[in-house]
Structures are given as structure tokens and as C-alpha cells.
C-alpha atoms as a PDB file:
ATOM      1  CA  MET A   1     -34.389  33.299  37.819  1.00  0.00           C
ATOM      2  CA  THR A   2     -36.999  32.568  35.401  1.00  0.00           C
ATOM      3  CA  ARG A   3     -38.093  35.199  33.210  1.00  0.00           C
ATOM      4  CA  THR A   4     -41.134  35.562  31.643  1.00  0.00           C
ATOM      5  CA  GLN A   5     -40.475  36.455  28.414  1.00  0.00           C
ATOM      6  CA  TYR A   6     -42.452  37.416  25.523  1.00  0.00           C
ATOM      7  CA  PHE A   7     -40.308  36.718  22.179  1.00  0.00           C
ATOM      8  CA  VAL A   8     -42.173  37.658  19.321  1.00  0.00           C
ATOM      9  CA  ALA A   9     -41.807  39.068  15.365  1.00  0.00           C
ATOM     10  CA  ALA A  10     -44.310  42.807  14.330  1.00  0.00           C
ATOM     11  CA  SER A  11     -44.165  44.467  10.927  1.00  0.00           C
ATOM     12  CA  LEU A  12     -42.488  47.885  12.092  1.00  0.00           C
ATOM     13  CA  ASP A  13     -46.029  49.514  12.022  1.00  0.00           C
ATOM     14  CA  GLY A  14     -46.778  46.726  15.225  1.00  0.00           C
ATOM     15  CA  PHE A  15     -48.315  44.143  13.465  1.00  0.00           C
ATOM     16  CA  ILE A  16     -48.055  40.316  14.470  1.00  0.00           C
ATOM     17  CA  ALA A  17     -50.697  38.610  12.155  1.00  0.00           C
ATOM     18  CA  ASP A  18     -51.756  40.389   8.645  1.00  0.00           C
ATOM     19  CA  ALA A  19     -55.418  41.390   8.785  1.00  0.00           C
ATOM     20  CA  ALA A  20     -56.456  37.495   7.881  1.00  0.00           C
ATOM     21  CA  GLY A  21     -54.575  36.278  10.506  1.00  0.00           C
ATOM     22  CA  GLY A  22     -51.278  35.474   8.280  1.00  0.00           C
ATOM     23  CA  LEU A  23     -47.788  35.352   8.435  1.00  0.00           C
ATOM     24  CA  GLN A  24     -46.546  35.065   5.474  1.00  0.00           C
ATOM     25  CA  TRP A  25     -44.661  38.529   5.300  1.00  0.00           C
ATOM     26  CA  LEU A  26     -43.269  36.954   7.999  1.00  0.00           C
ATOM     27  CA  PHE A  27     -41.992  33.741   6.004  1.00  0.00           C
ATOM     28  CA  GLN A  28     -40.140  35.142   3.886  1.00  0.00           C
ATOM     29  CA  PHE A  29     -37.354  35.629   6.418  1.00  0.00           C
ATOM     30  CA  ASN A  30     -37.138  32.394   7.172  1.00  0.00           C
ATOM     31  CA  ASP A  31     -33.880  31.841   5.215  1.00  0.00           C
ATOM     32  CA  VAL A  32     -32.086  34.835   7.159  1.00  0.00           C
ATOM     33  CA  GLU A  33     -28.511  34.468   8.123  1.00  0.00           C
ATOM     34  CA  GLY A  34     -28.067  34.039  11.784  1.00  0.00           C
ATOM     35  CA  LEU A  35     -31.736  33.636  12.560  1.00  0.00           C
ATOM     36  CA  ASP A  36     -31.902  30.533  12.463  1.00  0.00           C
ATOM     37  CA  ALA A  37     -29.487  29.876  15.295  1.00  0.00           C
ATOM     38  CA  HIS A  38     -30.425  32.666  17.611  1.00  0.00           C
ATOM     39  CA  TYR A  39     -33.926  31.318  17.374  1.00  0.00           C
ATOM     40  CA  LYS A  40     -32.717  27.594  18.724  1.00  0.00           C
ATOM     41  CA  ALA A  41     -30.865  29.451  21.265  1.00  0.00           C
ATOM     42  CA  PHE A  42     -33.328  31.441  22.787  1.00  0.00           C
ATOM     43  CA  LEU A  43     -35.543  27.892  22.815  1.00  0.00           C
ATOM     44  CA  ALA A  44     -32.809  26.705  24.296  1.00  0.00           C
ATOM     45  CA  GLY A  45     -32.992  28.873  27.552  1.00  0.00           C
ATOM     46  CA  VAL A  46     -37.050  27.817  27.884  1.00  0.00           C
ATOM     47  CA  GLY A  47     -38.647  25.850  30.362  1.00  0.00           C
ATOM     48  CA  ALA A  48     -42.397  26.465  29.906  1.00  0.00           C
ATOM     49  CA  LEU A  49     -45.206  28.322  27.276  1.00  0.00           C
ATOM     50  CA  ALA A  50     -48.083  29.960  27.229  1.00  0.00           C
ATOM     51  CA  MET A  51     -50.069  30.486  24.384  1.00  0.00           C
ATOM     52  CA  GLY A  52     -53.788  31.561  23.435  1.00  0.00           C
ATOM     53  CA  ALA A  53     -56.679  29.240  21.527  1.00  0.00           C
ATOM     54  CA  ALA A  54     -55.589  30.760  17.874  1.00  0.00           C
ATOM     55  CA  THR A  55     -52.127  30.331  17.818  1.00  0.00           C
ATOM     56  CA  TYR A  56     -52.035  26.637  19.004  1.00  0.00           C
ATOM     57  CA  GLU A  57     -54.807  26.097  16.280  1.00  0.00           C
ATOM     58  CA  PHE A  58     -52.141  28.080  13.934  1.00  0.00           C
ATOM     59  CA  VAL A  59     -49.355  25.554  14.541  1.00  0.00           C
ATOM     60  CA  LEU A  60     -52.082  23.028  14.202  1.00  0.00           C
ATOM     61  CA  GLY A  61     -53.201  24.493  10.695  1.00  0.00           C
ATOM     62  CA  GLU A  62     -49.383  23.674   9.679  1.00  0.00           C
ATOM     63  CA  LYS A  63     -49.992  19.868   9.568  1.00  0.00           C
ATOM     64  CA  LEU A  64     -46.287  19.273  11.385  1.00  0.00           C
ATOM     65  CA  GLU A  65     -45.162  16.375  11.784  1.00  0.00           C
ATOM     66  CA  ALA A  66     -43.671  16.458  15.554  1.00  0.00           C
ATOM     67  CA  TRP A  67     -44.426  19.026  18.396  1.00  0.00           C
ATOM     68  CA  PRO A  68     -42.152  22.101  17.323  1.00  0.00           C
ATOM     69  CA  TYR A  69     -41.708  22.713  21.323  1.00  0.00           C
ATOM     70  CA  ALA A  70     -40.890  18.622  21.969  1.00  0.00           C
ATOM     71  CA  GLY A  71     -39.983  18.802  25.710  1.00  0.00           C
ATOM     72  CA  ILE A  72     -41.229  21.622  26.879  1.00  0.00           C
ATOM     73  CA  PRO A  73     -44.541  21.782  29.255  1.00  0.00           C
ATOM     74  CA  THR A  74     -46.598  24.384  27.391  1.00  0.00           C
ATOM     75  CA  TRP A  75     -50.142  25.494  28.728  1.00  0.00           C
ATOM     76  CA  VAL A  76     -52.744  26.832  25.841  1.00  0.00           C
ATOM     77  CA  PHE A  77     -55.245  29.426  27.098  1.00  0.00           C
ATOM     78  CA  THR A  78     -58.912  29.034  25.724  1.00  0.00           C
ATOM     79  CA  HIS A  79     -62.545  28.566  26.844  1.00  0.00           C
ATOM     80  CA  ARG A  80     -62.956  26.044  23.838  1.00  0.00           C
ATOM     81  CA  GLU A  81     -62.180  22.319  23.690  1.00  0.00           C
ATOM     82  CA  LEU A  82     -59.375  21.171  21.320  1.00  0.00           C
ATOM     83  CA  PRO A  83     -57.493  18.800  19.968  1.00  0.00           C
ATOM     84  CA  GLY A  84     -54.052  17.804  21.350  1.00  0.00           C
ATOM     85  CA  PHE A  85     -50.603  17.021  19.430  1.00  0.00           C
ATOM     86  CA  PRO A  86     -49.064  13.629  20.087  1.00  0.00           C
ATOM     87  CA  GLY A  87     -46.815  13.478  22.246  1.00  0.00           C
ATOM     88  CA  ALA A  88     -46.807  16.911  23.429  1.00  0.00           C
ATOM     89  CA  ASP A  89     -47.325  17.792  26.913  1.00  0.00           C
ATOM     90  CA  ILE A  90     -50.090  20.096  26.963  1.00  0.00           C
ATOM     91  CA  ARG A  91     -52.515  21.714  29.641  1.00  0.00           C
ATOM     92  CA  PHE A  92     -55.434  23.522  28.083  1.00  0.00           C
ATOM     93  CA  THR A  93     -56.845  25.830  30.816  1.00  0.00           C
ATOM     94  CA  ALA A  94     -59.352  28.656  30.871  1.00  0.00           C
ATOM     95  CA  ASP A  95     -57.957  29.984  34.156  1.00  0.00           C
ATOM     96  CA  ASP A  96     -56.348  33.201  34.885  1.00  0.00           C
ATOM     97  CA  VAL A  97     -52.559  33.884  33.736  1.00  0.00           C
ATOM     98  CA  GLY A  98     -51.880  35.001  37.398  1.00  0.00           C
ATOM     99  CA  ALA A  99     -53.010  31.217  38.906  1.00  0.00           C
ATOM    100  CA  VAL A 100     -51.529  29.770  36.097  1.00  0.00           C
ATOM    101  CA  HIS A 101     -47.850  31.613  35.786  1.00  0.00           C
ATOM    102  CA  GLU A 102     -46.858  29.788  39.561  1.00  0.00           C
ATOM    103  CA  GLU A 103     -47.687  26.106  38.143  1.00  0.00           C
ATOM    104  CA  MET A 104     -45.724  27.414  34.969  1.00  0.00           C
ATOM    105  CA  VAL A 105     -42.485  28.694  37.238  1.00  0.00           C
ATOM    106  CA  ARG A 106     -42.438  25.363  38.679  1.00  0.00           C
ATOM    107  CA  ALA A 107     -42.203  23.562  35.833  1.00  0.00           C
ATOM    108  CA  ALA A 108     -39.791  25.614  33.725  1.00  0.00           C
ATOM    109  CA  SER A 109     -37.915  24.743  36.443  1.00  0.00           C
ATOM    110  CA  GLY A 110     -35.166  27.651  36.438  1.00  0.00           C
ATOM    111  CA  LYS A 111     -35.483  28.189  32.859  1.00  0.00           C
ATOM    112  CA  HIS A 112     -37.818  31.484  31.089  1.00  0.00           C
ATOM    113  CA  ILE A 113     -41.383  30.997  30.438  1.00  0.00           C
ATOM    114  CA  TRP A 114     -41.845  32.363  26.826  1.00  0.00           C
ATOM    115  CA  LEU A 115     -45.850  34.153  25.826  1.00  0.00           C
ATOM    116  CA  VAL A 116     -45.279  32.941  22.235  1.00  0.00           C
ATOM    117  CA  GLY A 117     -47.579  34.400  20.612  1.00  0.00           C
ATOM    118  CA  GLY A 118     -51.765  36.267  20.739  1.00  0.00           C
ATOM    119  CA  GLY A 119     -50.829  40.211  21.840  1.00  0.00           C
ATOM    120  CA  ASN A 120     -54.104  39.831  23.538  1.00  0.00           C
ATOM    121  CA  LEU A 121     -52.297  37.222  26.158  1.00  0.00           C
ATOM    122  CA  VAL A 122     -49.656  38.935  26.334  1.00  0.00           C
ATOM    123  CA  ALA A 123     -51.667  41.969  27.816  1.00  0.00           C
ATOM    124  CA  GLN A 124     -53.334  39.496  30.189  1.00  0.00           C
ATOM    125  CA  PHE A 125     -49.490  38.607  31.928  1.00  0.00           C
ATOM    126  CA  ALA A 126     -49.064  42.674  31.521  1.00  0.00           C
ATOM    127  CA  ARG A 127     -51.630  43.793  32.975  1.00  0.00           C
ATOM    128  CA  ARG A 128     -50.868  41.117  36.470  1.00  0.00           C
ATOM    129  CA  GLY A 129     -47.354  42.386  36.706  1.00  0.00           C
ATOM    130  CA  LEU A 130     -45.883  39.398  34.963  1.00  0.00           C
ATOM    131  CA  LEU A 131     -44.232  40.488  31.968  1.00  0.00           C
ATOM    132  CA  ASP A 132     -40.413  40.639  32.275  1.00  0.00           C
ATOM    133  CA  GLU A 133     -38.901  41.165  29.134  1.00  0.00           C
ATOM    134  CA  ILE A 134     -39.689  41.699  25.004  1.00  0.00           C
ATOM    135  CA  TRP A 135     -37.509  40.290  22.012  1.00  0.00           C
ATOM    136  CA  LEU A 136     -39.113  42.178  19.283  1.00  0.00           C
ATOM    137  CA  GLY A 137     -37.822  40.915  15.549  1.00  0.00           C
ATOM    138  CA  VAL A 138     -39.262  44.383  13.993  1.00  0.00           C
ATOM    139  CA  ILE A 139     -39.731  42.733  10.162  1.00  0.00           C
ATOM    140  CA  PRO A 140     -38.953  45.667   7.707  1.00  0.00           C
ATOM    141  CA  VAL A 141     -42.494  45.330   6.050  1.00  0.00           C
ATOM    142  CA  VAL A 142     -45.590  47.797   6.345  1.00  0.00           C
ATOM    143  CA  LEU A 143     -49.141  45.602   7.111  1.00  0.00           C
ATOM    144  CA  GLY A 144     -50.895  48.902   7.552  1.00  0.00           C
ATOM    145  CA  ALA A 145     -53.918  46.340   9.338  1.00  0.00           C
ATOM    146  CA  GLY A 146     -53.747  43.540  11.579  1.00  0.00           C
ATOM    147  CA  ALA A 147     -53.399  41.488  15.125  1.00  0.00           C
ATOM    148  CA  PRO A 148     -51.649  44.732  17.524  1.00  0.00           C
ATOM    149  CA  LEU A 149     -47.917  43.401  19.311  1.00  0.00           C
ATOM    150  CA  LEU A 150     -49.120  44.004  22.319  1.00  0.00           C
ATOM    151  CA  PRO A 151     -52.886  45.828  23.122  1.00  0.00           C
ATOM    152  CA  ALA A 152     -52.384  47.229  26.616  1.00  0.00           C
ATOM    153  CA  ALA A 153     -50.147  50.218  28.183  1.00  0.00           C
ATOM    154  CA  LEU A 154     -46.733  48.791  30.411  1.00  0.00           C
ATOM    155  CA  PRO A 155     -45.861  50.273  32.737  1.00  0.00           C
ATOM    156  CA  GLY A 156     -42.734  52.223  31.341  1.00  0.00           C
ATOM    157  CA  PRO A 157     -40.072  53.898  30.094  1.00  0.00           C
ATOM    158  CA  LEU A 158     -39.022  50.329  29.074  1.00  0.00           C
ATOM    159  CA  GLU A 159     -35.452  49.604  29.224  1.00  0.00           C
ATOM    160  CA  LEU A 160     -33.351  48.943  26.138  1.00  0.00           C
ATOM    161  CA  THR A 161     -30.681  45.735  27.066  1.00  0.00           C
ATOM    162  CA  ALA A 162     -29.895  44.764  23.218  1.00  0.00           C
ATOM    163  CA  VAL A 163     -29.732  45.521  19.455  1.00  0.00           C
ATOM    164  CA  THR A 164     -29.059  42.468  17.574  1.00  0.00           C
ATOM    165  CA  ARG A 165     -28.485  43.132  14.322  1.00  0.00           C
ATOM    166  CA  PHE A 166     -29.717  40.993  10.416  1.00  0.00           C
ATOM    167  CA  PRO A 167     -29.364  40.756   7.364  1.00  0.00           C
ATOM    168  CA  ARG A 168     -32.036  42.280   5.331  1.00  0.00           C
ATOM    169  CA  GLY A 169     -33.125  45.058   7.230  1.00  0.00           C
ATOM    170  CA  LEU A 170     -34.088  42.730  10.603  1.00  0.00           C
ATOM    171  CA  VAL A 171     -33.588  43.930  13.640  1.00  0.00           C
ATOM    172  CA  GLU A 172     -33.979  42.316  17.077  1.00  0.00           C
ATOM    173  CA  LEU A 173     -35.188  44.925  20.175  1.00  0.00           C
ATOM    174  CA  ARG A 174     -34.862  43.547  23.765  1.00  0.00           C
ATOM    175  CA  TYR A 175     -36.194  45.548  26.436  1.00  0.00           C
ATOM    176  CA  ALA A 176     -36.390  44.826  30.401  1.00  0.00           C
ATOM    177  CA  VAL A 177     -40.454  45.471  31.647  1.00  0.00           C
ATOM    178  CA  PRO A 178     -40.618  46.994  35.097  1.00  0.00           C
ATOM    179  CA  THR A 179     -42.902  44.954  37.175  1.00  0.00           C
ATOM    180  CA  SER A 180     -44.627  45.368  40.582  1.00  0.00           C
ATOM    181  CA  ARG A 181     -43.281  41.950  41.642  1.00  0.00           C
END
């Protein structure tokens, strides 16, 4: 069964980006042992992606030579005209997440949907009962301000299904989200 997953890293005080929208606080942990293999194992189970315009623009701003999600159809939710990425399967939409979700499930072909970034976009999925899991990497940094992890209430309580410890104080908490589906 296709699950809609929010795989995300947040500071200890619950921010996914700093007050300027930056991620340098997170990138300093990219070399943590086991993290890359863990990410690749997660990505292998992903059949479709959703991201907001700001996340997409962030990825474009990284000036990457290749699309980091090659072969995975990606929906970018936006109300603006944005450039494509050569060779990537990007689908720009301003439609409601509920309508697009059904299309994403079909495209995922039994794999999972990853809500890549943007707490506001994830909140839209959550409000419609379309968020199944949160994979939360807790980073031992306190930012004090920034973009919140998830600016929406969820039906609760969430069920903790796994805890993974990494070196340098990183922890991943995996939660099942009760849904109305």
C-alpha cells in the first residue's frame, strides 16, 4: 500500500530551515556515519514526490548537474511560473493536494509518496487526512526561529513506530499518523 510520508530533518526546537531560509545548520551533519545509506534506502522506496515552490527553488539554487530525484515523478505545487529541470519528470500544479494525491498514488506504482519539504505544503496534506507517516530527523541544533516543522494540528496521538540513532547526537523518530482514510 502506498503511504504518504514526510521525511524531514528539524532542529531540536522544531524548525526545518533557519530564519533566512538556509540549511547550513543541517548540512554540517551530512557526513554522519550511516546517514547516506539510510537516506538511499528510504529513497529506494519512493515512487512519487511532492514539494512546494520554495523547496523546488532551493533545489534549483543548488546548481546541481543532475536532478537528485532521477526517475521519480515530482509534483511542484505553485501558483507561479517556474523553470523546469532538464531531464526531470516535473509536473507543476496549482490544484488542490487532494485531487493531485490520487494521481500521485497511481504514479507511485505501489511505492511511497515523499512530501519533500515545506511544512505548509505538508500541512495541506495533513488537513485532508493524506499524511500517513512522519520520519523526523532531530538535529542537535537550536535555531530559535525559522520555518516550522508542520504548521498544522494532527489527529493524535501519533504512534512511535521506530527510533534510529546516529552518531553526533542525531536521532530519527518515525511516527504513524492517524488518518481518516
